[in-house]
Amino acid sequence: MDAAINKWAAVVASIWIQCSCGASYAFGIYSPLLKSSQGYDQSTLDTISVFKDIGANVGVLSGVLYSAVNRPGQRSRFRGPWMVHAAGAIQCFAGYFFIWLAVTGAIPRPQVPFMYLFMFLAAHAQTFFNTANVVTAVQNFPNYSGTIVGIMKGFLGISGAVLIQFYQTLFKGEPSTFLLMLALLPTLLSLLLMCFVRVHHAQSKDEKGYLNGFSLISLIVAAYIMFLIIVDIMFSLSQWMRSLTLAVLFIILSSPLYILVKAHEDASVPTLCSSTTPLLNDPESIEPAEKPTEIQNTRVQLTVTTSKDSLNFGEELNPIQAMQTLNFWLLFIAMMCGMGSGLATINNMSQIGESLGYTEEERSALVSLWSIWNFLGRFGAGYVSDIFMHRRGWARPLFMTLTLATMTAGHLIIGSGFPGNLYIGSVLVGICYGSQWSLMPTITCEIFGIQHMGTIFNTIAIASPLGSYVLSVRIIGYLYDREGSRTGQHMCSGTHCFMLSFFILACVSFFGFLVASCLLIKTRGIYARIARERHVVCEN
């Protein structure tokens, strides 16, 4: 298979793996069983959830492994993202399988620290899958890094909703079976497809058009799942209807194969480039003796043009060198403010709704729809920032500043407590939170280079659980308990329960906006050079 076609096969394989590896977003499905079967109190269950968040967000080891197995001079049999996928598959199976054994009673009840370890391993596998797919995709599509990262991160963001659809159709009321599915499905799928996820530097025809096709599919998946969530809330679907809707979802998720086939068909059609050389326009007009030389010159010219298509973004820095720069810490702090406040919001969404008098159905809908807003942010930020970078040369950190400013408004709306505030506020915060996960890896690549991209962006991702712990536990939890203690109860009702907390979160997001603005100013030279290089590529 031609290298250009292999590149699209890598995209399809990565999309399917991303759709299956977001099990950390489905914790609420099996957490009640975990609590009851092991005799945990709420504090212990919350601590297990913390280990889940740490495992799903701290992916430094996955980045280090990716850089180690893809460094220049590495022996060919040890090269490639497949080793990163294999490491993730082992952790995924081990983590969820031992949790399944514990909740079903197949093994003696493990001590709590062992359950912490199992949950950490299960969630940590997600970083290996994600790093292998995202970094490989950026290397395959350097000119559309924002778009491809948005696609990959978008499918990861919506994977929790996809897995829940499988659960509600096949295993509803059987969370233990769902845990076994989480142990087997991502593991087997990644092992089957990991050999297709490889780096191919060859350029292919109409890359932007094909990427737009994948983008359209991701939007269709998100819209379809949102439709299913809303319909299921309004009308309880029967089992045969659920089976039908799952079959349709499976067909939609299989549709990337159409783009792969289309790319193969287009690549098999010879393309005549009228602007390259006279030889390609009218080969019969050249004397036979001159053809070999002309052909060789043409190949050299095409090779030079192709090599210019792969832009060198920032200076290639290793993680230690990157951490010695101001740009690294500006990006880290901005992400701590944005990701931390967004994660703290979703972690407390149900309790906020309860304090404001939202019904159980409304609170469930808000939590379910969060994955849709998260997806739209992940996909939209990458896609839109690529458009403005290509057409107007806008620096990507500009979009980070815009989303943090919008997130500030979202926190203020949630804190205000007016009727319907959670519907508006959760949309704004959810979209802006998701956008950070798309913008941050792409900015990392553009500022610090692609060689150690996986390690560096996973190091910066530590800002998410760190910010969430400070804002969720030390601020939201503390202030909620303080308000509840004033009434002599553990529960708190009314707008005052979370008003001060979310005004503080708004201030934190605004501070992140100021830090991101500094990053925008600091990196304007890098993005001016990127814009010039893109202009040169387009001219050639």
Protein backbone atom coordinates (compact mmCIF):
# COMPACT_ATOMS: atom_id res chain seq x y z
CA MET A 1 0.00 0.00 0.00
CA ASP A 2 1.31 3.46 -0.89
CA ALA A 3 2.64 5.56 1.99
CA ALA A 4 0.08 8.29 1.29
CA ILE A 5 -2.72 5.74 1.67
CA ASN A 6 -1.13 4.28 4.80
CA LYS A 7 -1.39 7.74 6.33
CA TRP A 8 -5.17 7.72 5.98
CA ALA A 9 -5.33 4.15 7.31
CA ALA A 10 -3.46 5.45 10.36
CA VAL A 11 -6.11 8.14 10.85
CA VAL A 12 -8.97 5.61 10.67
CA ALA A 13 -7.27 3.24 13.10
CA SER A 14 -6.50 6.08 15.51
CA ILE A 15 -10.11 7.32 15.42
CA TRP A 16 -11.44 3.87 16.34
CA ILE A 17 -8.94 3.49 19.17
CA GLN A 18 -9.79 6.97 20.47
CA CYS A 19 -13.49 6.08 20.45
CA SER A 20 -12.87 3.13 22.77
CA CYS A 21 -10.27 4.42 25.22
CA GLY A 22 -12.17 7.15 27.09
CA ALA A 23 -13.49 4.82 29.78
CA SER A 24 -12.42 7.22 32.53
CA TYR A 25 -15.39 9.40 31.52
CA ALA A 26 -17.78 6.54 32.36
CA PHE A 27 -16.77 6.22 36.03
CA GLY A 28 -20.28 7.09 37.17
CA ILE A 29 -21.65 3.89 35.61
CA TYR A 30 -19.78 1.47 37.85
CA SER A 31 -18.83 3.64 40.85
CA PRO A 32 -22.00 2.70 42.85
CA LEU A 33 -21.18 -1.00 42.40
CA LEU A 34 -17.57 -0.39 43.36
CA LYS A 35 -18.69 1.40 46.52
CA SER A 36 -21.26 -1.19 47.60
CA SER A 37 -19.29 -4.34 46.72
CA GLN A 38 -16.14 -3.19 48.52
CA GLY A 39 -17.87 -1.48 51.45
CA TYR A 40 -16.33 1.93 50.76
CA ASP A 41 -17.52 5.20 52.22
CA GLN A 42 -17.91 8.28 50.02
CA SER A 43 -14.50 9.65 50.99
CA THR A 44 -12.75 6.47 49.86
CA LEU A 45 -14.68 6.43 46.60
CA ASP A 46 -13.75 10.07 45.99
CA THR A 47 -10.09 9.22 46.59
CA ILE A 48 -10.33 6.42 44.02
CA SER A 49 -11.79 8.97 41.63
CA VAL A 50 -8.78 11.22 42.28
CA PHE A 51 -6.44 8.39 41.28
CA LYS A 52 -8.54 7.98 38.14
CA ASP A 53 -8.09 11.66 37.27
CA ILE A 54 -4.37 11.52 37.96
CA GLY A 55 -3.92 8.43 35.81
CA ALA A 56 -5.96 9.85 32.93
CA ASN A 57 -4.12 13.17 32.87
CA VAL A 58 -0.53 12.51 33.92
CA GLY A 59 0.92 10.92 30.80
CA VAL A 60 4.60 11.81 31.08
CA LEU A 61 5.66 8.15 30.86
CA SER A 62 3.74 7.68 27.62
CA GLY A 63 5.52 10.68 26.12
CA VAL A 64 8.92 9.44 27.28
CA LEU A 65 8.24 6.01 25.79
CA TYR A 66 7.08 7.50 22.49
CA SER A 67 10.25 9.64 22.22
CA ALA A 68 12.46 6.68 23.18
CA VAL A 69 11.08 4.27 20.57
CA ASN A 70 10.98 6.88 17.80
CA ARG A 71 14.36 8.53 18.25
CA PRO A 72 16.74 8.67 15.25
CA GLY A 73 18.95 5.61 14.96
CA GLN A 74 16.57 3.34 16.86
CA ARG A 75 16.51 -0.23 15.55
CA SER A 76 13.59 -0.64 13.17
CA ARG A 77 11.87 -3.50 15.02
CA PHE A 78 11.66 -1.36 18.17
CA ARG A 79 10.46 1.75 16.37
CA GLY A 80 6.90 2.95 15.99
CA PRO A 81 3.88 3.98 18.03
CA TRP A 82 2.83 0.33 18.30
CA MET A 83 4.98 -0.10 21.41
CA VAL A 84 3.16 2.77 23.11
CA HIS A 85 -0.20 1.23 22.18
CA ALA A 86 0.94 -2.15 23.50
CA ALA A 87 1.97 -0.62 26.83
CA GLY A 88 -1.43 1.08 27.07
CA ALA A 89 -3.26 -2.15 26.24
CA ILE A 90 -1.46 -4.04 29.01
CA GLN A 91 -2.33 -1.38 31.59
CA CYS A 92 -5.94 -1.10 30.42
CA PHE A 93 -6.54 -4.83 30.68
CA ALA A 94 -4.74 -5.23 34.00
CA GLY A 95 -6.49 -2.29 35.66
CA TYR A 96 -10.09 -2.97 34.65
CA PHE A 97 -9.77 -6.76 34.82
CA PHE A 98 -8.63 -6.71 38.45
CA ILE A 99 -11.38 -4.22 39.31
CA TRP A 100 -13.87 -6.61 37.67
CA LEU A 101 -12.46 -9.54 39.63
CA ALA A 102 -12.82 -7.55 42.84
CA VAL A 103 -16.43 -6.39 42.34
CA THR A 104 -17.59 -9.86 41.25
CA GLY A 105 -15.93 -11.52 44.25
CA ALA A 106 -13.68 -13.69 42.08
CA ILE A 107 -10.73 -12.62 44.24
CA PRO A 108 -10.66 -11.69 47.93
CA ARG A 109 -11.52 -8.06 48.57
CA PRO A 110 -8.30 -6.14 47.85
CA GLN A 111 -6.96 -3.59 50.26
CA VAL A 112 -7.77 0.01 49.37
CA PRO A 113 -4.24 0.93 48.17
CA PHE A 114 -4.42 -1.91 45.65
CA MET A 115 -7.71 -0.54 44.33
CA TYR A 116 -6.03 2.84 43.98
CA LEU A 117 -3.37 1.12 41.88
CA PHE A 118 -5.90 -0.75 39.72
CA MET A 119 -7.84 2.44 38.99
CA PHE A 120 -4.65 4.36 38.25
CA LEU A 121 -3.47 1.72 35.76
CA ALA A 122 -6.87 1.54 34.04
CA ALA A 123 -7.04 5.30 33.56
CA HIS A 124 -3.33 5.69 32.83
CA ALA A 125 -3.71 3.50 29.74
CA GLN A 126 -5.72 6.32 28.16
CA THR A 127 -2.64 8.56 28.06
CA PHE A 128 -0.67 5.93 26.13
CA PHE A 129 -3.37 5.48 23.50
CA ASN A 130 -3.88 9.23 23.24
CA THR A 131 -0.17 10.08 22.99
CA ALA A 132 0.49 7.49 20.29
CA ASN A 133 -2.47 8.62 18.19
CA VAL A 134 -2.08 12.39 18.60
CA VAL A 135 1.69 12.66 18.11
CA THR A 136 1.63 10.31 15.11
CA ALA A 137 -1.23 12.30 13.57
CA VAL A 138 0.65 15.60 13.97
CA GLN A 139 3.73 14.09 12.33
CA ASN A 140 1.61 12.85 9.43
CA PHE A 141 -0.21 16.18 8.96
CA PRO A 142 2.14 18.99 10.06
CA ASN A 143 0.33 21.58 7.94
CA TYR A 144 -3.04 20.85 9.57
CA SER A 145 -1.92 20.05 13.12
CA GLY A 146 -4.80 21.94 14.73
CA THR A 147 -7.43 20.13 12.68
CA ILE A 148 -6.01 16.64 13.22
CA VAL A 149 -5.47 17.19 16.96
CA GLY A 150 -9.05 18.48 17.19
CA ILE A 151 -10.31 15.32 15.48
CA MET A 152 -8.32 13.00 17.73
CA LYS A 153 -9.11 14.86 20.95
CA GLY A 154 -12.74 15.23 19.88
CA PHE A 155 -13.27 11.50 19.44
CA LEU A 156 -11.56 10.89 22.80
CA GLY A 157 -13.84 13.44 24.45
CA ILE A 158 -16.98 11.79 23.08
CA SER A 159 -15.77 8.23 23.67
CA GLY A 160 -17.34 8.15 27.13
CA ALA A 161 -20.77 8.84 25.61
CA VAL A 162 -20.13 6.15 22.96
CA LEU A 163 -19.22 3.56 25.60
CA ILE A 164 -22.28 4.48 27.66
CA GLN A 165 -24.48 3.89 24.60
CA PHE A 166 -23.01 0.38 24.33
CA TYR A 167 -23.64 -0.17 28.04
CA GLN A 168 -27.26 1.03 27.97
CA THR A 169 -28.04 -1.23 25.02
CA LEU A 170 -26.10 -4.38 25.87
CA PHE A 171 -25.45 -4.39 29.61
CA LYS A 172 -27.90 -1.98 31.26
CA GLY A 173 -28.23 -2.83 34.92
CA GLU A 174 -25.05 -4.95 34.79
CA PRO A 175 -22.16 -2.59 35.64
CA SER A 176 -19.88 -5.55 36.43
CA THR A 177 -20.21 -6.76 32.83
CA PHE A 178 -19.53 -3.21 31.68
CA LEU A 179 -16.23 -3.33 33.63
CA LEU A 180 -15.28 -6.53 31.80
CA MET A 181 -16.10 -4.82 28.50
CA LEU A 182 -13.81 -1.91 29.46
CA ALA A 183 -11.02 -4.41 30.11
CA LEU A 184 -11.44 -6.20 26.77
CA LEU A 185 -12.71 -3.73 24.15
CA PRO A 186 -9.96 -1.03 24.18
CA THR A 187 -7.30 -3.71 24.72
CA LEU A 188 -8.28 -5.90 21.78
CA LEU A 189 -9.06 -2.98 19.47
CA SER A 190 -5.70 -1.31 20.09
CA LEU A 191 -3.79 -4.59 19.64
CA LEU A 192 -5.61 -5.24 16.34
CA LEU A 193 -5.12 -1.76 14.92
CA MET A 194 -1.82 -0.55 16.40
CA CYS A 195 0.24 -1.74 13.42
CA PHE A 196 -1.69 0.67 11.17
CA VAL A 197 -0.81 3.70 13.33
CA ARG A 198 2.55 4.67 11.88
CA VAL A 199 4.32 7.82 10.73
CA HIS A 200 4.21 8.41 6.96
CA HIS A 201 5.78 11.63 5.73
CA ALA A 202 4.54 11.25 2.15
CA GLN A 203 2.14 13.95 0.98
CA SER A 204 -1.24 13.00 -0.44
CA LYS A 205 -3.78 14.70 -2.64
CA ASP A 206 -6.37 17.04 -1.08
CA GLU A 207 -5.37 16.49 2.55
CA LYS A 208 -7.63 19.28 3.78
CA GLY A 209 -10.62 17.83 1.95
CA TYR A 210 -10.18 14.39 3.51
CA LEU A 211 -9.64 15.89 6.97
CA ASN A 212 -12.85 17.86 6.49
CA GLY A 213 -14.56 14.54 5.81
CA PHE A 214 -13.33 13.10 9.11
CA SER A 215 -14.40 16.33 10.82
CA LEU A 216 -17.89 15.98 9.39
CA ILE A 217 -18.13 12.41 10.66
CA SER A 218 -17.12 13.50 14.15
CA LEU A 219 -19.82 16.18 14.13
CA ILE A 220 -22.41 13.65 12.97
CA VAL A 221 -21.43 11.28 15.79
CA ALA A 222 -21.72 14.07 18.37
CA ALA A 223 -25.08 15.29 17.00
CA TYR A 224 -26.46 11.75 16.88
CA ILE A 225 -25.45 10.95 20.46
CA MET A 226 -26.86 14.26 21.67
CA PHE A 227 -30.11 13.37 19.90
CA LEU A 228 -30.16 9.97 21.61
CA ILE A 229 -29.54 11.52 25.03
CA ILE A 230 -32.37 14.01 24.63
CA VAL A 231 -34.81 11.43 23.24
CA ASP A 232 -33.97 8.98 26.01
CA ILE A 233 -34.69 11.66 28.61
CA MET A 234 -38.02 12.58 27.04
CA PHE A 235 -39.12 9.06 26.09
CA SER A 236 -37.80 5.88 27.63
CA LEU A 237 -36.53 3.85 24.68
CA SER A 238 -37.48 0.18 24.41
CA GLN A 239 -34.81 -2.49 24.02
CA TRP A 240 -35.38 -2.97 20.29
CA MET A 241 -35.15 0.78 19.75
CA ARG A 242 -31.87 0.89 21.65
CA SER A 243 -30.54 -1.97 19.52
CA LEU A 244 -31.53 -0.10 16.37
CA THR A 245 -29.92 3.16 17.51
CA LEU A 246 -26.73 1.30 18.47
CA ALA A 247 -26.59 -0.31 15.01
CA VAL A 248 -26.90 3.13 13.41
CA LEU A 249 -24.12 4.44 15.68
CA PHE A 250 -21.92 1.52 14.64
CA ILE A 251 -22.54 2.33 10.96
CA ILE A 252 -21.62 5.99 11.52
CA LEU A 253 -18.42 4.99 13.34
CA SER A 254 -17.57 2.70 10.40
CA SER A 255 -17.93 5.51 7.86
CA PRO A 256 -14.26 6.64 8.06
CA LEU A 257 -13.57 3.58 5.91
CA TYR A 258 -15.33 5.38 3.05
CA ILE A 259 -12.79 8.20 3.20
CA LEU A 260 -9.95 5.66 3.24
CA VAL A 261 -11.36 3.97 0.12
CA LYS A 262 -11.89 7.34 -1.55
CA ALA A 263 -8.28 8.34 -0.82
CA HIS A 264 -7.07 5.07 -2.32
CA GLU A 265 -9.14 5.62 -5.47
CA ASP A 266 -7.94 9.20 -5.90
CA ALA A 267 -4.32 8.17 -5.38
CA SER A 268 -4.61 5.56 -8.12
CA VAL A 269 -5.58 8.24 -10.67
CA PRO A 270 -2.46 9.89 -12.17
CA THR A 271 -2.39 13.64 -11.70
CA LEU A 272 -0.88 15.96 -14.30
CA CYS A 273 0.70 19.11 -12.87
CA SER A 274 0.67 21.72 -15.61
CA SER A 275 2.86 24.14 -13.68
CA THR A 276 5.78 21.82 -12.94
CA THR A 277 7.65 21.13 -16.21
CA PRO A 278 6.91 20.95 -19.94
CA LEU A 279 7.59 17.22 -19.75
CA LEU A 280 4.41 16.63 -17.75
CA ASN A 281 2.37 18.74 -20.16
CA ASP A 282 3.40 17.14 -23.43
CA PRO A 283 5.84 14.25 -23.08
CA GLU A 284 5.67 13.47 -26.78
CA SER A 285 7.15 16.87 -27.65
CA ILE A 286 10.47 16.00 -25.95
CA GLU A 287 13.21 14.28 -27.83
CA PRO A 288 13.79 10.69 -26.63
CA ALA A 289 17.42 11.40 -25.71
CA GLU A 290 16.36 14.26 -23.46
CA LYS A 291 13.63 12.43 -21.53
CA PRO A 292 15.77 10.68 -18.87
CA THR A 293 17.43 13.94 -17.80
CA GLU A 294 14.11 15.81 -17.78
CA ILE A 295 12.46 13.07 -15.77
CA GLN A 296 15.27 13.09 -13.20
CA ASN A 297 15.09 16.88 -12.86
CA THR A 298 11.33 16.68 -12.47
CA ARG A 299 11.66 14.10 -9.69
CA VAL A 300 14.21 16.26 -7.89
CA GLN A 301 11.91 19.27 -8.11
CA LEU A 302 8.94 17.29 -6.80
CA THR A 303 11.05 15.95 -3.94
CA VAL A 304 12.14 19.44 -2.91
CA THR A 305 8.57 20.69 -3.04
CA THR A 306 7.33 17.78 -0.95
CA SER A 307 9.98 18.30 1.71
CA LYS A 308 8.88 21.90 2.12
CA ASP A 309 5.39 20.72 2.97
CA SER A 310 6.58 19.54 6.36
CA LEU A 311 7.09 22.67 8.39
CA ASN A 312 9.55 22.89 11.25
CA PHE A 313 7.58 24.79 13.85
CA GLY A 314 9.50 25.63 17.00
CA GLU A 315 13.05 24.88 18.08
CA GLU A 316 13.42 21.20 18.99
CA LEU A 317 13.68 21.15 22.80
CA ASN A 318 13.69 18.21 25.18
CA PRO A 319 11.46 18.34 28.28
CA ILE A 320 14.22 19.67 30.57
CA GLN A 321 15.10 22.43 28.11
CA ALA A 322 11.43 23.30 27.63
CA MET A 323 10.87 23.59 31.38
CA GLN A 324 13.67 26.14 31.53
CA THR A 325 11.74 28.52 29.28
CA LEU A 326 9.14 31.09 30.27
CA ASN A 327 6.82 29.88 27.50
CA PHE A 328 6.47 26.49 29.21
CA TRP A 329 5.36 27.95 32.51
CA LEU A 330 3.05 30.49 30.91
CA LEU A 331 1.32 27.62 29.09
CA PHE A 332 1.31 25.46 32.24
CA ILE A 333 -0.28 28.17 34.41
CA ALA A 334 -2.86 29.05 31.76
CA MET A 335 -3.83 25.38 31.53
CA MET A 336 -4.01 25.04 35.31
CA CYS A 337 -6.50 27.89 35.37
CA GLY A 338 -8.56 26.73 32.38
CA MET A 339 -8.47 22.94 32.69
CA GLY A 340 -8.54 23.01 36.48
CA SER A 341 -11.60 25.23 36.74
CA GLY A 342 -13.39 23.30 33.98
CA LEU A 343 -12.74 19.91 35.61
CA ALA A 344 -13.82 21.29 38.99
CA THR A 345 -17.09 22.41 37.38
CA ILE A 346 -18.03 19.02 35.94
CA ASN A 347 -16.97 17.22 39.14
CA ASN A 348 -19.53 19.30 41.06
CA MET A 349 -22.24 19.67 38.40
CA SER A 350 -24.77 17.34 40.02
CA GLN A 351 -24.35 18.89 43.45
CA ILE A 352 -24.68 22.40 42.02
CA GLY A 353 -27.91 21.42 40.28
CA GLU A 354 -29.22 19.82 43.45
CA SER A 355 -28.57 22.99 45.48
CA LEU A 356 -30.39 25.08 42.85
CA GLY A 357 -33.44 22.83 42.75
CA TYR A 358 -32.85 21.06 39.42
CA THR A 359 -34.59 17.70 39.07
CA GLU A 360 -32.66 14.45 38.91
CA GLU A 361 -33.47 14.12 35.19
CA GLU A 362 -32.18 17.64 34.53
CA ARG A 363 -28.97 16.97 36.44
CA SER A 364 -28.40 13.72 34.55
CA ALA A 365 -28.98 15.52 31.25
CA LEU A 366 -26.46 18.21 32.16
CA VAL A 367 -23.80 15.63 33.01
CA SER A 368 -24.50 13.62 29.83
CA LEU A 369 -24.51 16.68 27.59
CA TRP A 370 -21.19 17.83 29.04
CA SER A 371 -19.42 15.27 26.83
CA ILE A 372 -21.02 16.90 23.78
CA TRP A 373 -19.88 20.40 24.76
CA ASN A 374 -16.46 18.97 25.60
CA PHE A 375 -16.29 17.42 22.13
CA LEU A 376 -17.36 20.61 20.37
CA GLY A 377 -14.62 22.52 22.16
CA ARG A 378 -11.94 19.97 21.35
CA PHE A 379 -12.90 19.71 17.70
CA GLY A 380 -13.88 23.32 17.08
CA ALA A 381 -10.80 24.95 18.61
CA GLY A 382 -8.42 22.89 16.48
CA TYR A 383 -10.42 23.30 13.28
CA VAL A 384 -11.15 27.03 13.62
CA SER A 385 -7.63 27.94 14.78
CA ASP A 386 -6.20 26.14 11.72
CA ILE A 387 -8.48 28.13 9.40
CA PHE A 388 -7.44 31.47 10.83
CA MET A 389 -3.77 30.49 10.92
CA HIS A 390 -3.83 29.53 7.25
CA ARG A 391 -5.94 32.41 5.99
CA ARG A 392 -4.98 35.31 8.26
CA GLY A 393 -1.86 34.17 10.08
CA TRP A 394 -3.46 34.45 13.55
CA ALA A 395 -1.35 32.97 16.34
CA ARG A 396 -2.94 29.96 18.02
CA PRO A 397 -2.52 31.28 21.62
CA LEU A 398 -5.02 33.99 20.64
CA PHE A 399 -7.76 31.36 20.69
CA MET A 400 -6.61 30.24 24.12
CA THR A 401 -7.09 33.78 25.42
CA LEU A 402 -10.57 33.97 23.84
CA THR A 403 -11.70 30.67 25.35
CA LEU A 404 -10.40 31.59 28.83
CA ALA A 405 -12.23 34.90 28.65
CA THR A 406 -15.42 33.08 27.65
CA MET A 407 -14.90 30.55 30.44
CA THR A 408 -14.75 33.45 32.89
CA ALA A 409 -18.21 34.51 31.74
CA GLY A 410 -19.45 30.91 32.08
CA HIS A 411 -18.31 30.68 35.71
CA LEU A 412 -20.00 34.00 36.50
CA ILE A 413 -23.26 32.73 34.98
CA ILE A 414 -23.13 29.52 37.05
CA GLY A 415 -22.36 31.49 40.21
CA SER A 416 -25.22 33.93 39.63
CA GLY A 417 -27.83 31.23 40.20
CA PHE A 418 -30.61 32.65 37.99
CA PRO A 419 -33.16 30.18 36.52
CA GLY A 420 -31.60 28.09 33.75
CA ASN A 421 -28.10 29.29 34.59
CA LEU A 422 -26.58 25.80 34.50
CA TYR A 423 -27.76 25.18 30.95
CA ILE A 424 -26.04 28.33 29.68
CA GLY A 425 -23.02 28.17 31.96
CA SER A 426 -22.28 24.49 31.35
CA VAL A 427 -22.32 25.02 27.59
CA LEU A 428 -19.80 27.87 27.81
CA VAL A 429 -17.52 26.19 30.34
CA GLY A 430 -17.76 22.78 28.65
CA ILE A 431 -16.84 24.07 25.20
CA CYS A 432 -14.01 26.22 26.54
CA TYR A 433 -12.69 23.38 28.72
CA GLY A 434 -12.61 21.05 25.73
CA SER A 435 -10.85 23.65 23.60
CA GLN A 436 -7.89 23.70 25.99
CA TRP A 437 -7.26 20.00 25.33
CA SER A 438 -7.08 20.68 21.60
CA LEU A 439 -5.09 23.91 21.66
CA MET A 440 -2.47 22.91 24.24
CA PRO A 441 -0.88 19.94 22.38
CA THR A 442 -0.80 21.90 19.11
CA ILE A 443 0.78 24.97 20.73
CA THR A 444 3.29 22.68 22.43
CA CYS A 445 4.33 21.26 19.06
CA GLU A 446 4.61 24.71 17.49
CA ILE A 447 6.66 26.23 20.32
CA PHE A 448 8.88 23.35 21.45
CA GLY A 449 9.08 21.18 18.33
CA ILE A 450 7.67 17.76 17.52
CA GLN A 451 10.45 15.38 18.60
CA HIS A 452 9.50 15.45 22.30
CA MET A 453 5.96 16.70 21.84
CA GLY A 454 4.38 13.72 23.60
CA THR A 455 6.45 14.11 26.75
CA ILE A 456 6.11 17.89 26.96
CA PHE A 457 2.35 18.17 26.40
CA ASN A 458 1.73 15.33 28.86
CA THR A 459 3.87 17.16 31.41
CA ILE A 460 1.78 20.30 30.90
CA ALA A 461 -1.38 18.17 31.23
CA ILE A 462 -0.47 17.61 34.91
CA ALA A 463 -1.91 21.11 35.36
CA SER A 464 -5.42 19.68 34.92
CA PRO A 465 -5.65 17.37 37.99
CA LEU A 466 -3.49 19.75 40.00
CA GLY A 467 -5.76 22.70 39.31
CA SER A 468 -8.85 20.56 39.81
CA TYR A 469 -7.67 19.38 43.25
CA VAL A 470 -6.99 22.90 44.47
CA LEU A 471 -10.19 24.40 43.06
CA SER A 472 -12.56 21.48 43.66
CA VAL A 473 -11.42 20.20 47.07
CA ARG A 474 -9.78 23.21 48.67
CA ILE A 475 -12.21 25.86 47.41
CA ILE A 476 -15.56 24.44 46.24
CA GLY A 477 -15.69 21.60 48.77
CA TYR A 478 -14.51 23.74 51.68
CA LEU A 479 -16.91 26.61 50.97
CA TYR A 480 -19.84 24.22 50.39
CA ASP A 481 -19.24 22.47 53.72
CA ARG A 482 -18.94 25.83 55.45
CA GLU A 483 -22.28 27.00 54.05
CA GLY A 484 -23.91 23.70 55.00
CA SER A 485 -22.55 23.83 58.56
CA ARG A 486 -24.27 27.16 59.13
CA THR A 487 -27.63 25.42 58.85
CA GLY A 488 -26.51 22.47 60.95
CA GLN A 489 -26.83 20.09 58.00
CA HIS A 490 -24.49 18.40 55.57
CA MET A 491 -26.62 19.59 52.65
CA CYS A 492 -26.84 23.13 51.32
CA SER A 493 -29.67 24.60 49.26
CA GLY A 494 -29.79 27.94 47.49
CA THR A 495 -27.67 30.16 45.28
CA HIS A 496 -25.29 30.99 48.16
CA CYS A 497 -23.93 27.41 48.26
CA PHE A 498 -21.69 27.84 45.20
CA MET A 499 -21.86 31.56 44.42
CA LEU A 500 -18.57 32.55 46.09
CA SER A 501 -16.83 29.42 44.76
CA PHE A 502 -17.68 30.19 41.15
CA PHE A 503 -16.84 33.84 41.49
CA ILE A 504 -13.41 32.65 42.64
CA LEU A 505 -13.26 30.27 39.65
CA ALA A 506 -14.14 33.22 37.40
CA CYS A 507 -11.20 35.15 38.86
CA VAL A 508 -8.93 32.15 38.31
CA SER A 509 -10.05 31.88 34.66
CA PHE A 510 -9.50 35.60 34.17
CA PHE A 511 -5.99 35.25 35.58
CA GLY A 512 -5.46 32.44 33.07
CA PHE A 513 -6.64 34.82 30.36
CA LEU A 514 -3.97 37.34 31.41
CA VAL A 515 -1.26 34.64 31.44
CA ALA A 516 -2.35 33.36 28.01
CA SER A 517 -2.18 36.94 26.73
CA CYS A 518 1.44 37.09 27.89
CA LEU A 519 2.12 33.83 26.05
CA LEU A 520 0.51 35.31 22.93
CA ILE A 521 2.82 38.32 23.08
CA LYS A 522 5.86 36.19 23.90
CA THR A 523 5.35 33.80 20.96
CA ARG A 524 4.37 36.30 18.28
CA GLY A 525 7.79 35.91 16.61
CA ILE A 526 7.42 32.12 16.39
CA TYR A 527 4.00 32.38 14.79
CA ALA A 528 5.14 35.10 12.39
CA ARG A 529 7.82 32.70 11.16
CA ILE A 530 5.30 29.86 10.87
CA ALA A 531 3.06 32.12 8.79
CA ARG A 532 5.97 32.97 6.48
CA GLU A 533 6.87 29.29 6.04
CA ARG A 534 3.27 28.42 5.21
CA HIS A 535 3.24 31.21 2.63
CA VAL A 536 6.41 29.82 1.02
CA VAL A 537 4.91 26.31 0.91
CA CYS A 538 1.73 27.61 -0.71
CA GLU A 539 3.73 29.50 -3.34
CA ASN A 540 5.69 26.36 -4.22
